[in-house]
Amino acid sequence: MTDPTAAGTPAAAFRPPGRDLESTVERIELLEAQVQALGQAMRALLQGLEDIPDREPDPERPGRAARLAHELLLAQGL
């Protein structure tokens, strides 16, 4: 019987040598957290650039939004 994880088989393409399933799960969880942080940062930026019809324009609002986005990314280690 052949080993399905042996080099040259399709299963080997999904698990490079030296990487076990646990490290793959950890990498995916990290990637998901990073994508979520990027989404939060984008939302902060978009809200800072959004015009609110019933308010006077605040020239400092985009700067505050950019700082918030930057802090969100730093908190996640990005």
N, C-alpha and C. Protein backbone atom coordinates (compact mmCIF):
# COMPACT_ATOMS: atom_id res chain seq x y z
N MET A 1 0.85 -1.18 0.00
CA MET A 1 0.00 0.00 0.00
C MET A 1 0.89 1.23 0.00
N THR A 2 0.50 2.26 -0.74
CA THR A 2 1.31 3.48 -0.83
C THR A 2 0.83 4.50 0.17
N ASP A 3 1.77 5.37 0.57
CA ASP A 3 1.47 6.44 1.53
C ASP A 3 0.83 7.61 0.78
N PRO A 4 -0.42 8.02 1.10
CA PRO A 4 -1.08 9.11 0.37
C PRO A 4 -0.42 10.46 0.57
N THR A 5 0.45 10.59 1.57
CA THR A 5 1.13 11.87 1.78
C THR A 5 2.53 11.86 1.19
N ALA A 6 2.87 10.82 0.47
CA ALA A 6 4.20 10.75 -0.14
C ALA A 6 4.32 11.81 -1.21
N ALA A 7 5.55 12.26 -1.44
CA ALA A 7 5.79 13.29 -2.46
C ALA A 7 5.28 12.81 -3.81
N GLY A 8 4.71 13.72 -4.54
CA GLY A 8 4.22 13.40 -5.88
C GLY A 8 2.74 13.05 -5.90
N THR A 9 2.11 12.88 -4.75
CA THR A 9 0.68 12.60 -4.73
C THR A 9 -0.07 13.89 -4.45
N PRO A 10 -1.33 13.97 -4.84
CA PRO A 10 -2.09 15.21 -4.61
C PRO A 10 -2.14 15.63 -3.14
N ALA A 11 -2.21 14.68 -2.21
CA ALA A 11 -2.28 15.05 -0.80
C ALA A 11 -1.02 15.77 -0.36
N ALA A 12 0.12 15.44 -0.95
CA ALA A 12 1.39 16.08 -0.59
C ALA A 12 1.38 17.55 -0.96
N ALA A 13 0.61 17.93 -1.98
CA ALA A 13 0.55 19.33 -2.40
C ALA A 13 -0.13 20.20 -1.34
N PHE A 14 -1.01 19.60 -0.55
CA PHE A 14 -1.72 20.36 0.46
C PHE A 14 -0.96 20.47 1.76
N ARG A 15 -0.03 19.57 2.01
CA ARG A 15 0.76 19.60 3.24
C ARG A 15 2.24 19.53 2.87
N PRO A 16 2.89 20.69 2.77
CA PRO A 16 4.32 20.68 2.45
C PRO A 16 5.11 19.95 3.53
N PRO A 17 6.26 19.39 3.18
CA PRO A 17 7.08 18.69 4.17
C PRO A 17 7.39 19.59 5.35
N GLY A 18 7.31 19.06 6.57
CA GLY A 18 7.61 19.83 7.76
C GLY A 18 6.44 20.62 8.31
N ARG A 19 5.33 20.58 7.65
CA ARG A 19 4.15 21.31 8.13
C ARG A 19 3.04 20.31 8.44
N ASP A 20 2.64 20.28 9.68
CA ASP A 20 1.56 19.37 10.04
C ASP A 20 0.22 20.09 9.99
N LEU A 21 -0.81 19.32 10.17
CA LEU A 21 -2.17 19.88 10.07
C LEU A 21 -2.41 20.94 11.13
N GLU A 22 -1.86 20.76 12.33
CA GLU A 22 -2.06 21.73 13.40
C GLU A 22 -1.49 23.09 13.03
N SER A 23 -0.30 23.13 12.46
CA SER A 23 0.27 24.43 12.09
C SER A 23 -0.53 25.07 10.96
N THR A 24 -1.12 24.27 10.10
CA THR A 24 -1.95 24.80 9.03
C THR A 24 -3.19 25.46 9.62
N VAL A 25 -3.81 24.82 10.60
CA VAL A 25 -4.99 25.40 11.26
C VAL A 25 -4.61 26.70 11.94
N GLU A 26 -3.48 26.72 12.62
CA GLU A 26 -3.03 27.95 13.28
C GLU A 26 -2.79 29.06 12.27
N ARG A 27 -2.21 28.73 11.14
CA ARG A 27 -1.94 29.73 10.10
C ARG A 27 -3.25 30.27 9.54
N ILE A 28 -4.24 29.42 9.36
CA ILE A 28 -5.53 29.88 8.84
C ILE A 28 -6.22 30.78 9.86
N GLU A 29 -6.16 30.41 11.14
CA GLU A 29 -6.75 31.25 12.18
C GLU A 29 -6.08 32.61 12.23
N LEU A 30 -4.77 32.65 12.10
CA LEU A 30 -4.04 33.92 12.07
C LEU A 30 -4.46 34.75 10.87
N LEU A 31 -4.56 34.11 9.73
CA LEU A 31 -4.97 34.81 8.51
C LEU A 31 -6.37 35.37 8.66
N GLU A 32 -7.28 34.62 9.25
CA GLU A 32 -8.64 35.10 9.46
C GLU A 32 -8.66 36.32 10.38
N ALA A 33 -7.86 36.30 11.43
CA ALA A 33 -7.79 37.44 12.36
C ALA A 33 -7.22 38.66 11.66
N GLN A 34 -6.22 38.45 10.79
CA GLN A 34 -5.63 39.57 10.07
C GLN A 34 -6.61 40.17 9.07
N VAL A 35 -7.35 39.34 8.38
CA VAL A 35 -8.35 39.83 7.42
C VAL A 35 -9.44 40.60 8.16
N GLN A 36 -9.84 40.12 9.33
CA GLN A 36 -10.85 40.83 10.12
C GLN A 36 -10.32 42.20 10.56
N ALA A 37 -9.05 42.26 10.97
CA ALA A 37 -8.46 43.54 11.38
C ALA A 37 -8.38 44.50 10.19
N LEU A 38 -8.04 43.98 9.03
CA LEU A 38 -8.02 44.83 7.83
C LEU A 38 -9.41 45.37 7.51
N GLY A 39 -10.42 44.54 7.67
CA GLY A 39 -11.80 44.99 7.45
C GLY A 39 -12.21 46.09 8.42
N GLN A 40 -11.82 45.94 9.69
CA GLN A 40 -12.13 46.97 10.68
C GLN A 40 -11.42 48.28 10.35
N ALA A 41 -10.17 48.17 9.91
CA ALA A 41 -9.42 49.38 9.56
C ALA A 41 -10.04 50.06 8.34
N MET A 42 -10.46 49.28 7.37
CA MET A 42 -11.10 49.86 6.18
C MET A 42 -12.41 50.54 6.56
N ARG A 43 -13.17 49.89 7.43
CA ARG A 43 -14.44 50.49 7.88
C ARG A 43 -14.20 51.82 8.58
N ALA A 44 -13.17 51.89 9.43
CA ALA A 44 -12.84 53.14 10.13
C ALA A 44 -12.46 54.22 9.13
N LEU A 45 -11.67 53.87 8.14
CA LEU A 45 -11.27 54.86 7.12
C LEU A 45 -12.48 55.35 6.32
N LEU A 46 -13.32 54.42 5.91
CA LEU A 46 -14.49 54.82 5.11
C LEU A 46 -15.45 55.70 5.91
N GLN A 47 -15.64 55.38 7.19
CA GLN A 47 -16.51 56.21 8.02
C GLN A 47 -15.91 57.60 8.21
N GLY A 48 -14.59 57.68 8.26
CA GLY A 48 -13.94 58.98 8.42
C GLY A 48 -14.03 59.84 7.17
N LEU A 49 -14.15 59.20 6.02
CA LEU A 49 -14.24 59.95 4.77
C LEU A 49 -15.68 60.20 4.34
N GLU A 50 -16.61 59.58 5.01
CA GLU A 50 -18.02 59.69 4.67
C GLU A 50 -18.57 61.07 5.04
N ASP A 51 -19.34 61.64 4.15
CA ASP A 51 -20.01 62.90 4.43
C ASP A 51 -21.32 62.62 5.16
N ILE A 52 -21.55 63.37 6.23
CA ILE A 52 -22.80 63.25 6.97
C ILE A 52 -23.64 64.47 6.63
N PRO A 53 -24.76 64.28 5.95
CA PRO A 53 -25.53 65.41 5.42
C PRO A 53 -26.00 66.42 6.46
N ASP A 54 -26.33 65.98 7.67
CA ASP A 54 -26.89 66.92 8.64
C ASP A 54 -25.82 67.56 9.54
N ARG A 55 -24.55 67.41 9.20
CA ARG A 55 -23.47 68.01 10.00
C ARG A 55 -22.55 68.83 9.12
N GLU A 56 -21.92 69.80 9.76
CA GLU A 56 -20.89 70.58 9.07
C GLU A 56 -19.68 69.69 8.83
N PRO A 57 -18.99 69.87 7.73
CA PRO A 57 -17.78 69.07 7.48
C PRO A 57 -16.73 69.31 8.58
N ASP A 58 -16.12 68.24 9.04
CA ASP A 58 -15.09 68.31 10.07
C ASP A 58 -13.75 68.01 9.39
N PRO A 59 -12.90 69.02 9.23
CA PRO A 59 -11.64 68.79 8.52
C PRO A 59 -10.69 67.83 9.25
N GLU A 60 -10.92 67.59 10.53
CA GLU A 60 -10.05 66.69 11.29
C GLU A 60 -10.55 65.24 11.28
N ARG A 61 -11.75 65.03 10.81
CA ARG A 61 -12.35 63.70 10.84
C ARG A 61 -11.54 62.66 10.05
N PRO A 62 -11.10 62.94 8.83
CA PRO A 62 -10.29 61.94 8.11
C PRO A 62 -9.00 61.59 8.85
N GLY A 63 -8.37 62.55 9.47
CA GLY A 63 -7.14 62.29 10.21
C GLY A 63 -7.37 61.38 11.41
N ARG A 64 -8.48 61.64 12.13
CA ARG A 64 -8.82 60.79 13.27
C ARG A 64 -9.12 59.36 12.80
N ALA A 65 -9.80 59.24 11.68
CA ALA A 65 -10.12 57.92 11.14
C ALA A 65 -8.85 57.19 10.73
N ALA A 66 -7.92 57.91 10.13
CA ALA A 66 -6.66 57.28 9.73
C ALA A 66 -5.87 56.81 10.95
N ARG A 67 -5.87 57.62 12.00
CA ARG A 67 -5.18 57.20 13.24
C ARG A 67 -5.84 55.95 13.84
N LEU A 68 -7.17 55.93 13.85
CA LEU A 68 -7.88 54.78 14.38
C LEU A 68 -7.56 53.53 13.56
N ALA A 69 -7.58 53.66 12.25
CA ALA A 69 -7.26 52.53 11.38
C ALA A 69 -5.85 52.03 11.66
N HIS A 70 -4.93 52.96 11.81
CA HIS A 70 -3.54 52.60 12.09
C HIS A 70 -3.43 51.87 13.44
N GLU A 71 -4.13 52.35 14.44
CA GLU A 71 -4.10 51.71 15.76
C GLU A 71 -4.71 50.30 15.71
N LEU A 72 -5.77 50.14 14.93
CA LEU A 72 -6.37 48.81 14.78
C LEU A 72 -5.37 47.84 14.16
N LEU A 73 -4.66 48.29 13.15
CA LEU A 73 -3.69 47.42 12.48
C LEU A 73 -2.51 47.12 13.41
N LEU A 74 -2.05 48.12 14.14
CA LEU A 74 -0.95 47.89 15.08
C LEU A 74 -1.34 46.92 16.18
N ALA A 75 -2.56 47.03 16.66
CA ALA A 75 -3.03 46.12 17.72
C ALA A 75 -3.03 44.68 17.27
N GLN A 76 -3.21 44.46 15.97
CA GLN A 76 -3.23 43.10 15.43
C GLN A 76 -1.83 42.67 14.99
N GLY A 77 -0.87 43.58 15.10
CA GLY A 77 0.49 43.23 14.71
C GLY A 77 0.75 43.37 13.22
N LEU A 78 -0.05 44.16 12.55
CA LEU A 78 0.11 44.34 11.10
C LEU A 78 0.82 45.64 10.80
